[in-house]
Structures are given as C-alpha cells and as structure tokens.
Amino acid sequence: MAGRTVMLNMHIARYVSLYRSLGRKFSEQERLLRQYAAFAGRFGDRHTRVQRIYDWCHTASSQNVARHRYDAARNFSLFANAEDPDHEVPPVGVFGRGKRPRPTPIIIEPDQVRAIMTAALDVSPQGTISPYTYHYLFGLLATTGLRISEALALQCDDLVEDGLVVRNGKFGKQRLITLQPSTRKALEAYIAIRAKHPAKCNDLFVTIRGRAPHKVRAHVVFVRLARLLGYRGATGTAGMRLHDLRHTFAVRSLESCPRDREAIAHHMAGLSVYLGHASIANTYWYLEATPVLLRDIAAASEQLFQGEAA
C-alpha cells in the first residue's frame, strides 16, 4: 500500500511545485492533498477516485472543512486527469459552494471570431453606424481581452500614442494597455467611419442612437450571431458568450508563456495587470479552469521539479 501512496504523493508534489513556480504559496492546498493521499493510500488507490474523495470529505469536522477538502481534491483531479484519464474527476459543488463558481471558459477559434465579426456587418439597421460598431467592438475585445463594460466606456480620446487608456476598469481602476499595430489601425478606421455619423457624446463605440449601446444589447447581438453561425444551440442552452472573448485572450496569452520559473511568474503578474484583475488569483483561475493548458505548463516545468528534488 505504501508504494501506491507514494504514487499519489508524487503527483501531488508535481502539482504543488507547479503552482509554487508560478508564485503561489499553496500551503493549505498541499496540507489537504497530503491528507487525502494518506486516506486514499489505505485503500491502495493509485489514482484519484470519486467515491474515495466523497468518503474522505465525509470524515471532515464540519461542512465548511468538507467543502475545502472537496475543492482541493477536485482541482487536483482535474490536473491529474489531464495527464492520465484513469484519474477520476468528481462533479462540481457536491459539498456546497462558497462563491458562485465561474463557468468553464469556451475557447473561441480565430476563424470563429472572424466569422462573427463579418456577420456583425449585417446587423440592422443597415446603412447606419451600428453594424460597424459591433464589428469593431467584437474585434477589439478579441485582441485586447477587455471587459465589455470597459470597452463601451471608452471615449474617442482614449486612443493615445502609447496605446488605449482604460478609465472605467473594475473597482474604478485606470490602466494603459498596449495595442498591436493591426488593432490600432482597425480602431483608426472605425473612428473615421464614426466621424461620418452624428453622435450625441464622445463615446468611442456608438449606435444609431448616437451613444454607446448597453452591455446587455452587446451580449444579445453576440449570442444571436453565434447562434446564427451554429456556434450555439437553441435558446436556453449554454454556449459561447461574449465574455469568452476575454477568456480566449487570457488562455492564448498563457499558452505563449515562457517556460522558465522566473519568466512564468513575471508573465502571470504582467497578464494580471493587463487584464485589470484586482488579484493575481483571478489570473491563476485560467490555469485551474483549463486543465489541458495546466498540463502543458506542468510538462514544461517538469525539469524544474526534478532539479529541486535532486
């Protein structure tokens, strides 16, 4: 039985080492996972088992402790399953939920983004600024990862020489984001189109009403286009959302993350600032929510772990 416990502990050590290489302490998670490994080892488990996780959580002293145990074991199971499908992954929320869980991000492929942007040019009423607004708005969200509320709050003079000034960030924070040359060129093209249409304010993105659309309207337009193109199912079913443009930007950025320890930590910190996250923990969520991405970075970090263990 001891050998099997060692196997689980080896997986846990790699998992913990990965997160610590990204700048997290991860002490509480490690403590819980070591407890789980000891419990599972009594039954000879080499892989995570859903029923074993349930049984372990049922031995907790309180519902709150059980939930923390369950969340730690489930997140580890996602990591382990991405490398070896023999590891079982329990469902979300069996022992209750703390904060409302975020939905799993849907990664939007480049050709899908282009198709949605093209379809936006057919939005009614034709012959107005509105189709161009949604076309360029969705393109900006895809290339910058801005929140929809941030993009709709942009003013015409927020496009500056150094990039784009985001004045209406979450919690009132302001930041400057750099732009790719193609993104800047596209924004300048939109501003030229906008100048030919009357506007009632200085909002960058405006509709036929002369001001920025409400964010709910932008969500509705995006979902309708996604459904029209076959990227979403019927009304009432889950699927691609406008916010997934932000998810996709973050995940693609992490996929390009350099593979050495210091560079990974710097990349995560830089991405957190760029996205306007109040805490870097919100940026780490993209790793936890994308097990395959976590597996790829874990594989690249394997030599770091082996070097520490030597």
C-alpha atoms as a PDB file:
ATOM      1  CA  MET A   1       0.000   0.000   0.000  1.00  0.00           C
ATOM      2  CA  ALA A   2       2.873   2.351   0.772  1.00  0.00           C
ATOM      3  CA  GLY A   3       4.063   2.266  -2.834  1.00  0.00           C
ATOM      4  CA  ARG A   4       0.653   3.369  -4.048  1.00  0.00           C
ATOM      5  CA  THR A   5       0.582   6.220  -1.546  1.00  0.00           C
ATOM      6  CA  VAL A   6       3.962   7.295  -2.892  1.00  0.00           C
ATOM      7  CA  MET A   7       2.499   7.458  -6.411  1.00  0.00           C
ATOM      8  CA  LEU A   8      -0.300   9.800  -5.378  1.00  0.00           C
ATOM      9  CA  ASN A   9       2.127  11.896  -3.353  1.00  0.00           C
ATOM     10  CA  MET A  10       4.424  12.189  -6.366  1.00  0.00           C
ATOM     11  CA  HIS A  11       1.558  13.570  -8.456  1.00  0.00           C
ATOM     12  CA  ILE A  12       0.673  15.954  -5.632  1.00  0.00           C
ATOM     13  CA  ALA A  13       4.287  17.104  -5.327  1.00  0.00           C
ATOM     14  CA  ARG A  14       4.400  17.959  -9.031  1.00  0.00           C
ATOM     15  CA  TYR A  15       1.065  19.767  -8.803  1.00  0.00           C
ATOM     16  CA  VAL A  16       2.166  21.817  -5.789  1.00  0.00           C
ATOM     17  CA  SER A  17       5.576  22.521  -7.337  1.00  0.00           C
ATOM     18  CA  LEU A  18       3.911  23.867 -10.462  1.00  0.00           C
ATOM     19  CA  TYR A  19       1.800  26.379  -8.561  1.00  0.00           C
ATOM     20  CA  ARG A  20       4.726  27.430  -6.401  1.00  0.00           C
ATOM     21  CA  SER A  21       6.794  28.007  -9.535  1.00  0.00           C
ATOM     22  CA  LEU A  22       4.060  30.458 -10.508  1.00  0.00           C
ATOM     23  CA  GLY A  23       4.459  32.405  -7.277  1.00  0.00           C
ATOM     24  CA  ARG A  24       1.760  30.896  -5.048  1.00  0.00           C
ATOM     25  CA  LYS A  25       2.365  29.594  -1.515  1.00  0.00           C
ATOM     26  CA  PHE A  26      -0.165  26.766  -1.903  1.00  0.00           C
ATOM     27  CA  SER A  27       0.471  25.611   1.689  1.00  0.00           C
ATOM     28  CA  GLU A  28      -3.138  24.905   2.664  1.00  0.00           C
ATOM     29  CA  GLN A  29      -3.846  23.062  -0.578  1.00  0.00           C
ATOM     30  CA  GLU A  30      -0.756  20.897  -0.085  1.00  0.00           C
ATOM     31  CA  ARG A  31      -1.753  20.074   3.502  1.00  0.00           C
ATOM     32  CA  LEU A  32      -5.217  18.955   2.405  1.00  0.00           C
ATOM     33  CA  LEU A  33      -3.932  16.920  -0.515  1.00  0.00           C
ATOM     34  CA  ARG A  34      -1.381  15.116   1.658  1.00  0.00           C
ATOM     35  CA  GLN A  35      -4.231  14.180   3.980  1.00  0.00           C
ATOM     36  CA  TYR A  36      -6.227  12.896   1.026  1.00  0.00           C
ATOM     37  CA  ALA A  37      -3.264  10.829  -0.221  1.00  0.00           C
ATOM     38  CA  ALA A  38      -2.859   9.242   3.218  1.00  0.00           C
ATOM     39  CA  PHE A  39      -6.581   8.393   3.322  1.00  0.00           C
ATOM     40  CA  ALA A  40      -6.665   7.014  -0.236  1.00  0.00           C
ATOM     41  CA  GLY A  41      -3.459   5.081   0.361  1.00  0.00           C
ATOM     42  CA  ARG A  42      -5.188   2.915   2.947  1.00  0.00           C
ATOM     43  CA  PHE A  43      -7.304   1.526   0.109  1.00  0.00           C
ATOM     44  CA  GLY A  44      -4.423   1.100  -2.315  1.00  0.00           C
ATOM     45  CA  ASP A  45      -5.504   3.849  -4.697  1.00  0.00           C
ATOM     46  CA  ARG A  46      -3.022   4.750  -7.419  1.00  0.00           C
ATOM     47  CA  HIS A  47      -5.374   7.287  -8.989  1.00  0.00           C
ATOM     48  CA  THR A  48      -7.990   9.707  -7.724  1.00  0.00           C
ATOM     49  CA  ARG A  49     -11.329   8.008  -7.145  1.00  0.00           C
ATOM     50  CA  VAL A  50     -14.610   9.908  -6.881  1.00  0.00           C
ATOM     51  CA  GLN A  51     -16.047   7.666  -4.172  1.00  0.00           C
ATOM     52  CA  ARG A  52     -12.832   7.903  -2.159  1.00  0.00           C
ATOM     53  CA  ILE A  53     -12.948  11.695  -2.302  1.00  0.00           C
ATOM     54  CA  TYR A  54     -16.564  11.571  -1.095  1.00  0.00           C
ATOM     55  CA  ASP A  55     -15.639   9.249   1.779  1.00  0.00           C
ATOM     56  CA  TRP A  56     -12.698  11.433   2.798  1.00  0.00           C
ATOM     57  CA  CYS A  57     -14.809  14.582   2.810  1.00  0.00           C
ATOM     58  CA  HIS A  58     -17.477  12.862   4.904  1.00  0.00           C
ATOM     59  CA  THR A  59     -14.902  12.440   7.686  1.00  0.00           C
ATOM     60  CA  ALA A  60     -14.456  16.231   7.955  1.00  0.00           C
ATOM     61  CA  SER A  61     -15.313  18.024  11.191  1.00  0.00           C
ATOM     62  CA  SER A  62     -17.705  20.488   9.520  1.00  0.00           C
ATOM     63  CA  GLN A  63     -19.444  21.272   6.241  1.00  0.00           C
ATOM     64  CA  ASN A  64     -17.009  24.111   5.617  1.00  0.00           C
ATOM     65  CA  VAL A  65     -13.976  21.845   6.067  1.00  0.00           C
ATOM     66  CA  ALA A  66     -15.599  19.233   3.822  1.00  0.00           C
ATOM     67  CA  ARG A  67     -16.092  21.833   1.085  1.00  0.00           C
ATOM     68  CA  HIS A  68     -12.462  22.963   1.280  1.00  0.00           C
ATOM     69  CA  ARG A  69     -11.304  19.348   1.119  1.00  0.00           C
ATOM     70  CA  TYR A  70     -13.550  18.649  -1.837  1.00  0.00           C
ATOM     71  CA  ASP A  71     -12.476  21.722  -3.801  1.00  0.00           C
ATOM     72  CA  ALA A  72      -8.790  20.939  -3.247  1.00  0.00           C
ATOM     73  CA  ALA A  73      -9.216  17.305  -4.298  1.00  0.00           C
ATOM     74  CA  ARG A  74     -11.319  18.188  -7.325  1.00  0.00           C
ATOM     75  CA  ASN A  75      -8.859  20.789  -8.638  1.00  0.00           C
ATOM     76  CA  PHE A  76      -6.040  18.286  -8.222  1.00  0.00           C
ATOM     77  CA  SER A  77      -8.115  15.636 -10.014  1.00  0.00           C
ATOM     78  CA  LEU A  78      -8.565  17.949 -12.998  1.00  0.00           C
ATOM     79  CA  PHE A  79      -4.800  18.402 -13.206  1.00  0.00           C
ATOM     80  CA  ALA A  80      -4.093  14.678 -12.853  1.00  0.00           C
ATOM     81  CA  ASN A  81      -6.823  13.656 -15.314  1.00  0.00           C
ATOM     82  CA  ALA A  82      -5.372  15.937 -17.998  1.00  0.00           C
ATOM     83  CA  GLU A  83      -2.243  13.766 -17.909  1.00  0.00           C
ATOM     84  CA  ASP A  84      -3.830  10.390 -17.179  1.00  0.00           C
ATOM     85  CA  PRO A  85      -7.565   9.763 -17.792  1.00  0.00           C
ATOM     86  CA  ASP A  86      -7.543   6.972 -15.193  1.00  0.00           C
ATOM     87  CA  HIS A  87      -7.785   9.728 -12.581  1.00  0.00           C
ATOM     88  CA  GLU A  88     -11.478  10.307 -11.868  1.00  0.00           C
ATOM     89  CA  VAL A  89     -12.852  13.856 -11.588  1.00  0.00           C
ATOM     90  CA  PRO A  90     -15.794  14.469  -9.228  1.00  0.00           C
ATOM     91  CA  PRO A  91     -18.590  16.882 -10.215  1.00  0.00           C
ATOM     92  CA  VAL A  92     -18.737  20.499  -9.064  1.00  0.00           C
ATOM     93  CA  GLY A  93     -20.363  21.570  -5.802  1.00  0.00           C
ATOM     94  CA  VAL A  94     -21.266  18.242  -4.161  1.00  0.00           C
ATOM     95  CA  PHE A  95     -20.230  19.558  -0.727  1.00  0.00           C
ATOM     96  CA  GLY A  96     -21.590  23.048  -1.297  1.00  0.00           C
ATOM     97  CA  ARG A  97     -20.173  26.140  -2.862  1.00  0.00           C
ATOM     98  CA  GLY A  98     -18.520  29.196  -1.442  1.00  0.00           C
ATOM     99  CA  LYS A  99     -18.564  31.858  -4.090  1.00  0.00           C
ATOM    100  CA  ARG A 100     -20.632  31.275  -7.205  1.00  0.00           C
ATOM    101  CA  PRO A 101     -18.424  29.131  -9.472  1.00  0.00           C
ATOM    102  CA  ARG A 102     -17.267  30.640 -12.711  1.00  0.00           C
ATOM    103  CA  PRO A 103     -18.390  28.904 -15.880  1.00  0.00           C
ATOM    104  CA  THR A 104     -15.804  26.888 -17.746  1.00  0.00           C
ATOM    105  CA  PRO A 105     -14.329  29.121 -20.448  1.00  0.00           C
ATOM    106  CA  ILE A 106     -15.091  28.342 -24.071  1.00  0.00           C
ATOM    107  CA  ILE A 107     -12.101  28.957 -26.303  1.00  0.00           C
ATOM    108  CA  ILE A 108     -13.141  30.750 -29.485  1.00  0.00           C
ATOM    109  CA  GLU A 109     -11.071  29.872 -32.527  1.00  0.00           C
ATOM    110  CA  PRO A 110      -9.669  32.653 -34.770  1.00  0.00           C
ATOM    111  CA  ASP A 111     -11.874  31.655 -37.706  1.00  0.00           C
ATOM    112  CA  GLN A 112     -14.934  31.824 -35.448  1.00  0.00           C
ATOM    113  CA  VAL A 113     -14.003  35.338 -34.327  1.00  0.00           C
ATOM    114  CA  ARG A 114     -13.593  36.401 -37.945  1.00  0.00           C
ATOM    115  CA  ALA A 115     -16.943  34.858 -38.877  1.00  0.00           C
ATOM    116  CA  ILE A 116     -18.720  36.667 -36.042  1.00  0.00           C
ATOM    117  CA  MET A 117     -17.085  39.972 -36.979  1.00  0.00           C
ATOM    118  CA  THR A 118     -18.130  39.506 -40.606  1.00  0.00           C
ATOM    119  CA  ALA A 119     -21.682  38.594 -39.616  1.00  0.00           C
ATOM    120  CA  ALA A 120     -21.834  41.715 -37.436  1.00  0.00           C
ATOM    121  CA  LEU A 121     -21.646  43.828 -40.590  1.00  0.00           C
ATOM    122  CA  ASP A 122     -25.112  42.506 -41.471  1.00  0.00           C
ATOM    123  CA  VAL A 123     -26.650  43.686 -38.193  1.00  0.00           C
ATOM    124  CA  SER A 124     -29.612  46.001 -38.719  1.00  0.00           C
ATOM    125  CA  PRO A 125     -30.309  48.751 -39.364  1.00  0.00           C
ATOM    126  CA  GLN A 126     -28.127  48.659 -42.449  1.00  0.00           C
ATOM    127  CA  GLY A 127     -26.662  51.928 -43.679  1.00  0.00           C
ATOM    128  CA  THR A 128     -26.026  53.117 -40.108  1.00  0.00           C
ATOM    129  CA  ILE A 129     -23.032  53.078 -37.771  1.00  0.00           C
ATOM    130  CA  SER A 130     -24.387  50.126 -35.757  1.00  0.00           C
ATOM    131  CA  PRO A 131     -23.064  47.227 -37.903  1.00  0.00           C
ATOM    132  CA  TYR A 132     -19.585  48.772 -37.942  1.00  0.00           C
ATOM    133  CA  THR A 133     -19.737  49.334 -34.188  1.00  0.00           C
ATOM    134  CA  TYR A 134     -20.370  45.673 -33.379  1.00  0.00           C
ATOM    135  CA  HIS A 135     -17.833  44.545 -35.983  1.00  0.00           C
ATOM    136  CA  TYR A 136     -15.022  46.613 -34.487  1.00  0.00           C
ATOM    137  CA  LEU A 137     -16.200  46.201 -30.876  1.00  0.00           C
ATOM    138  CA  PHE A 138     -16.010  42.412 -31.051  1.00  0.00           C
ATOM    139  CA  GLY A 139     -12.632  42.649 -32.762  1.00  0.00           C
ATOM    140  CA  LEU A 140     -11.258  44.885 -30.011  1.00  0.00           C
ATOM    141  CA  LEU A 141     -12.495  42.525 -27.289  1.00  0.00           C
ATOM    142  CA  ALA A 142     -10.833  39.584 -29.029  1.00  0.00           C
ATOM    143  CA  THR A 143      -7.445  41.280 -29.445  1.00  0.00           C
ATOM    144  CA  THR A 144      -7.213  43.002 -26.056  1.00  0.00           C
ATOM    145  CA  GLY A 145      -9.224  40.902 -23.590  1.00  0.00           C
ATOM    146  CA  LEU A 146     -11.087  43.986 -22.358  1.00  0.00           C
ATOM    147  CA  ARG A 147     -14.267  43.578 -20.343  1.00  0.00           C
ATOM    148  CA  ILE A 148     -17.343  44.640 -22.313  1.00  0.00           C
ATOM    149  CA  SER A 149     -18.078  47.360 -19.737  1.00  0.00           C
ATOM    150  CA  GLU A 150     -14.568  48.754 -20.210  1.00  0.00           C
ATOM    151  CA  ALA A 151     -14.837  48.783 -23.996  1.00  0.00           C
ATOM    152  CA  LEU A 152     -18.228  50.502 -24.001  1.00  0.00           C
ATOM    153  CA  ALA A 153     -16.945  53.171 -21.595  1.00  0.00           C
ATOM    154  CA  LEU A 154     -14.077  54.131 -23.924  1.00  0.00           C
ATOM    155  CA  GLN A 155     -14.034  57.697 -25.218  1.00  0.00           C
ATOM    156  CA  CYS A 156     -12.701  58.835 -28.587  1.00  0.00           C
ATOM    157  CA  ASP A 157      -9.674  60.483 -26.992  1.00  0.00           C
ATOM    158  CA  ASP A 158      -8.733  57.326 -25.055  1.00  0.00           C
ATOM    159  CA  LEU A 159      -6.782  56.120 -28.079  1.00  0.00           C
ATOM    160  CA  VAL A 160      -3.383  57.681 -27.417  1.00  0.00           C
ATOM    161  CA  GLU A 161       0.098  57.312 -28.837  1.00  0.00           C
ATOM    162  CA  ASP A 162       1.128  54.702 -26.248  1.00  0.00           C
ATOM    163  CA  GLY A 163      -1.999  52.579 -26.518  1.00  0.00           C
ATOM    164  CA  LEU A 164      -5.522  52.631 -25.135  1.00  0.00           C
ATOM    165  CA  VAL A 165      -6.441  54.284 -21.839  1.00  0.00           C
ATOM    166  CA  VAL A 166      -8.973  52.209 -19.897  1.00  0.00           C
ATOM    167  CA  ARG A 167     -10.552  54.665 -17.469  1.00  0.00           C
ATOM    168  CA  ASN A 168     -13.524  52.631 -16.320  1.00  0.00           C
ATOM    169  CA  GLY A 169     -11.854  49.464 -15.096  1.00  0.00           C
ATOM    170  CA  LYS A 170     -13.257  47.254 -12.360  1.00  0.00           C
ATOM    171  CA  PHE A 171     -13.284  48.957  -8.939  1.00  0.00           C
ATOM    172  CA  GLY A 172     -12.654  52.287 -10.719  1.00  0.00           C
ATOM    173  CA  LYS A 173      -9.074  51.439 -11.630  1.00  0.00           C
ATOM    174  CA  GLN A 174      -7.419  53.035 -14.657  1.00  0.00           C
ATOM    175  CA  ARG A 175      -4.754  51.394 -16.806  1.00  0.00           C
ATOM    176  CA  LEU A 176      -2.985  51.780 -20.138  1.00  0.00           C
ATOM    177  CA  ILE A 177      -2.912  48.797 -22.476  1.00  0.00           C
ATOM    178  CA  THR A 178      -0.636  48.445 -25.460  1.00  0.00           C
ATOM    179  CA  LEU A 179      -2.137  47.707 -28.862  1.00  0.00           C
ATOM    180  CA  GLN A 180      -0.944  45.613 -31.747  1.00  0.00           C
ATOM    181  CA  PRO A 181      -0.395  47.736 -34.895  1.00  0.00           C
ATOM    182  CA  SER A 182      -3.278  45.950 -36.628  1.00  0.00           C
ATOM    183  CA  THR A 183      -5.612  46.721 -33.712  1.00  0.00           C
ATOM    184  CA  ARG A 184      -4.655  50.393 -33.732  1.00  0.00           C
ATOM    185  CA  LYS A 185      -5.182  50.554 -37.494  1.00  0.00           C
ATOM    186  CA  ALA A 186      -8.629  48.980 -37.109  1.00  0.00           C
ATOM    187  CA  LEU A 187      -9.632  51.457 -34.387  1.00  0.00           C
ATOM    188  CA  GLU A 188      -8.475  54.364 -36.521  1.00  0.00           C
ATOM    189  CA  ALA A 189     -10.553  53.008 -39.412  1.00  0.00           C
ATOM    190  CA  TYR A 190     -13.602  52.805 -37.146  1.00  0.00           C
ATOM    191  CA  ILE A 191     -13.067  56.340 -35.850  1.00  0.00           C
ATOM    192  CA  ALA A 192     -13.005  57.562 -39.463  1.00  0.00           C
ATOM    193  CA  ILE A 193     -16.323  55.797 -40.114  1.00  0.00           C
ATOM    194  CA  ARG A 194     -17.774  57.142 -36.865  1.00  0.00           C
ATOM    195  CA  ALA A 195     -16.893  60.707 -37.876  1.00  0.00           C
ATOM    196  CA  LYS A 196     -19.355  60.423 -40.766  1.00  0.00           C
ATOM    197  CA  HIS A 197     -22.253  59.653 -38.424  1.00  0.00           C
ATOM    198  CA  PRO A 198     -23.765  62.067 -35.894  1.00  0.00           C
ATOM    199  CA  ALA A 199     -23.144  61.255 -32.232  1.00  0.00           C
ATOM    200  CA  LYS A 200     -24.594  62.759 -29.059  1.00  0.00           C
ATOM    201  CA  CYS A 201     -21.493  62.181 -26.939  1.00  0.00           C
ATOM    202  CA  ASN A 202     -17.809  61.324 -27.025  1.00  0.00           C
ATOM    203  CA  ASP A 203     -18.315  57.564 -26.579  1.00  0.00           C
ATOM    204  CA  LEU A 204     -15.971  55.669 -28.874  1.00  0.00           C
ATOM    205  CA  PHE A 205     -18.461  52.967 -29.793  1.00  0.00           C
ATOM    206  CA  VAL A 206     -21.886  54.329 -30.715  1.00  0.00           C
ATOM    207  CA  THR A 207     -25.028  53.000 -32.362  1.00  0.00           C
ATOM    208  CA  ILE A 208     -27.709  54.701 -34.420  1.00  0.00           C
ATOM    209  CA  ARG A 209     -28.883  56.352 -31.187  1.00  0.00           C
ATOM    210  CA  GLY A 210     -25.649  58.336 -31.057  1.00  0.00           C
ATOM    211  CA  ARG A 211     -24.232  56.771 -27.890  1.00  0.00           C
ATOM    212  CA  ALA A 212     -22.703  53.523 -26.695  1.00  0.00           C
ATOM    213  CA  PRO A 213     -25.017  50.513 -26.641  1.00  0.00           C
ATOM    214  CA  HIS A 214     -25.926  48.975 -23.303  1.00  0.00           C
ATOM    215  CA  LYS A 215     -23.752  45.971 -22.487  1.00  0.00           C
ATOM    216  CA  VAL A 216     -26.810  43.711 -22.424  1.00  0.00           C
ATOM    217  CA  ARG A 217     -27.523  44.717 -26.012  1.00  0.00           C
ATOM    218  CA  ALA A 218     -23.943  43.848 -26.989  1.00  0.00           C
ATOM    219  CA  HIS A 219     -24.325  40.445 -25.314  1.00  0.00           C
ATOM    220  CA  VAL A 220     -27.598  39.813 -27.156  1.00  0.00           C
ATOM    221  CA  VAL A 221     -26.129  40.726 -30.544  1.00  0.00           C
ATOM    222  CA  PHE A 222     -23.121  38.459 -29.976  1.00  0.00           C
ATOM    223  CA  VAL A 223     -25.230  35.481 -28.885  1.00  0.00           C
ATOM    224  CA  ARG A 224     -27.599  35.897 -31.837  1.00  0.00           C
ATOM    225  CA  LEU A 225     -24.687  35.944 -34.265  1.00  0.00           C
ATOM    226  CA  ALA A 226     -23.067  32.929 -32.592  1.00  0.00           C
ATOM    227  CA  ARG A 227     -26.355  31.044 -32.844  1.00  0.00           C
ATOM    228  CA  LEU A 228     -26.840  32.114 -36.471  1.00  0.00           C
ATOM    229  CA  LEU A 229     -23.404  30.721 -37.308  1.00  0.00           C
ATOM    230  CA  GLY A 230     -24.053  27.453 -35.480  1.00  0.00           C
ATOM    231  CA  TYR A 231     -21.685  28.152 -32.571  1.00  0.00           C
ATOM    232  CA  ARG A 232     -24.513  27.989 -30.017  1.00  0.00           C
ATOM    233  CA  GLY A 233     -27.525  25.750 -29.596  1.00  0.00           C
ATOM    234  CA  ALA A 234     -31.162  26.740 -29.253  1.00  0.00           C
ATOM    235  CA  THR A 235     -32.358  29.439 -26.879  1.00  0.00           C
ATOM    236  CA  GLY A 236     -31.995  28.335 -23.266  1.00  0.00           C
ATOM    237  CA  THR A 237     -28.907  26.217 -23.841  1.00  0.00           C
ATOM    238  CA  ALA A 238     -25.404  27.094 -22.700  1.00  0.00           C
ATOM    239  CA  GLY A 239     -22.731  28.024 -25.187  1.00  0.00           C
ATOM    240  CA  MET A 240     -20.349  30.650 -26.476  1.00  0.00           C
ATOM    241  CA  ARG A 241     -20.696  34.019 -24.702  1.00  0.00           C
ATOM    242  CA  LEU A 242     -19.305  37.485 -25.314  1.00  0.00           C
ATOM    243  CA  HIS A 243     -17.097  37.179 -22.218  1.00  0.00           C
ATOM    244  CA  ASP A 244     -15.443  34.135 -23.791  1.00  0.00           C
ATOM    245  CA  LEU A 245     -13.503  36.554 -25.995  1.00  0.00           C
ATOM    246  CA  ARG A 246     -11.752  37.673 -22.792  1.00  0.00           C
ATOM    247  CA  HIS A 247     -11.275  34.078 -21.655  1.00  0.00           C
ATOM    248  CA  THR A 248      -9.765  33.196 -25.016  1.00  0.00           C
ATOM    249  CA  PHE A 249      -7.367  36.132 -24.924  1.00  0.00           C
ATOM    250  CA  ALA A 250      -6.131  35.121 -21.456  1.00  0.00           C
ATOM    251  CA  VAL A 251      -5.692  31.453 -22.325  1.00  0.00           C
ATOM    252  CA  ARG A 252      -3.884  32.210 -25.596  1.00  0.00           C
ATOM    253  CA  SER A 253      -1.573  34.526 -23.689  1.00  0.00           C
ATOM    254  CA  LEU A 254      -0.810  31.806 -21.150  1.00  0.00           C
ATOM    255  CA  GLU A 255      -0.133  29.331 -23.943  1.00  0.00           C
ATOM    256  CA  SER A 256       2.643  31.633 -25.131  1.00  0.00           C
ATOM    257  CA  CYS A 257       4.055  31.857 -21.601  1.00  0.00           C
ATOM    258  CA  PRO A 258       7.856  31.328 -21.413  1.00  0.00           C
ATOM    259  CA  ARG A 259       8.805  28.058 -19.755  1.00  0.00           C
ATOM    260  CA  ASP A 260      11.352  29.011 -17.097  1.00  0.00           C
ATOM    261  CA  ARG A 261      10.318  29.633 -13.493  1.00  0.00           C
ATOM    262  CA  GLU A 262      11.075  33.367 -13.266  1.00  0.00           C
ATOM    263  CA  ALA A 263       9.585  34.148 -16.661  1.00  0.00           C
ATOM    264  CA  ILE A 264       6.364  32.281 -15.796  1.00  0.00           C
ATOM    265  CA  ALA A 265       5.906  34.307 -12.606  1.00  0.00           C
ATOM    266  CA  HIS A 266       6.588  37.580 -14.442  1.00  0.00           C
ATOM    267  CA  HIS A 267       4.242  36.636 -17.271  1.00  0.00           C
ATOM    268  CA  MET A 268       1.409  35.864 -14.851  1.00  0.00           C
ATOM    269  CA  ALA A 269       1.936  39.138 -12.999  1.00  0.00           C
ATOM    270  CA  GLY A 270       2.036  41.113 -16.243  1.00  0.00           C
ATOM    271  CA  LEU A 271      -1.081  39.441 -17.609  1.00  0.00           C
ATOM    272  CA  SER A 272      -2.904  40.121 -14.339  1.00  0.00           C
ATOM    273  CA  VAL A 273      -2.167  43.850 -14.641  1.00  0.00           C
ATOM    274  CA  TYR A 274      -3.040  43.912 -18.344  1.00  0.00           C
ATOM    275  CA  LEU A 275      -6.415  42.272 -17.716  1.00  0.00           C
ATOM    276  CA  GLY A 276      -7.129  44.619 -14.819  1.00  0.00           C
ATOM    277  CA  HIS A 277      -7.501  41.851 -12.238  1.00  0.00           C
ATOM    278  CA  ALA A 278      -7.796  43.030  -8.637  1.00  0.00           C
ATOM    279  CA  SER A 279      -5.853  39.949  -7.528  1.00  0.00           C
ATOM    280  CA  ILE A 280      -3.446  37.680  -9.359  1.00  0.00           C
ATOM    281  CA  ALA A 281      -5.517  34.785  -8.004  1.00  0.00           C
ATOM    282  CA  ASN A 282      -8.108  35.691 -10.641  1.00  0.00           C
ATOM    283  CA  THR A 283      -5.467  35.169 -13.324  1.00  0.00           C
ATOM    284  CA  TYR A 284      -4.445  31.787 -11.899  1.00  0.00           C
ATOM    285  CA  TRP A 285      -8.066  30.719 -12.334  1.00  0.00           C
ATOM    286  CA  TYR A 286      -7.469  30.394 -16.063  1.00  0.00           C
ATOM    287  CA  LEU A 287      -4.991  27.611 -15.292  1.00  0.00           C
ATOM    288  CA  GLU A 288      -7.411  25.794 -12.977  1.00  0.00           C
ATOM    289  CA  ALA A 289     -10.263  26.160 -15.465  1.00  0.00           C
ATOM    290  CA  THR A 290      -8.192  24.874 -18.398  1.00  0.00           C
ATOM    291  CA  PRO A 291      -6.670  21.523 -17.360  1.00  0.00           C
ATOM    292  CA  VAL A 292      -5.003  20.843 -20.717  1.00  0.00           C
ATOM    293  CA  LEU A 293      -3.210  24.187 -20.525  1.00  0.00           C
ATOM    294  CA  LEU A 294      -2.170  23.372 -16.965  1.00  0.00           C
ATOM    295  CA  ARG A 295      -0.856  20.008 -18.145  1.00  0.00           C
ATOM    296  CA  ASP A 296       1.230  21.621 -20.892  1.00  0.00           C
ATOM    297  CA  ILE A 297       2.840  24.083 -18.486  1.00  0.00           C
ATOM    298  CA  ALA A 298       3.328  21.292 -15.949  1.00  0.00           C
ATOM    299  CA  ALA A 299       5.170  19.195 -18.524  1.00  0.00           C
ATOM    300  CA  ALA A 300       7.421  22.122 -19.372  1.00  0.00           C
ATOM    301  CA  SER A 301       8.099  22.662 -15.656  1.00  0.00           C
ATOM    302  CA  GLU A 302       8.987  19.011 -15.004  1.00  0.00           C
ATOM    303  CA  GLN A 303      12.725  19.601 -15.200  1.00  0.00           C
ATOM    304  CA  LEU A 304      12.438  22.382 -12.612  1.00  0.00           C
ATOM    305  CA  PHE A 305      10.755  19.975 -10.200  1.00  0.00           C
ATOM    306  CA  GLN A 306      13.285  17.224 -10.804  1.00  0.00           C
ATOM    307  CA  GLY A 307      16.111  19.671 -10.206  1.00  0.00           C
ATOM    308  CA  GLU A 308      14.645  20.664  -6.830  1.00  0.00           C
ATOM    309  CA  ALA A 309      14.118  17.042  -5.792  1.00  0.00           C
ATOM    310  CA  ALA A 310      17.692  16.041  -6.584  1.00  0.00           C
END
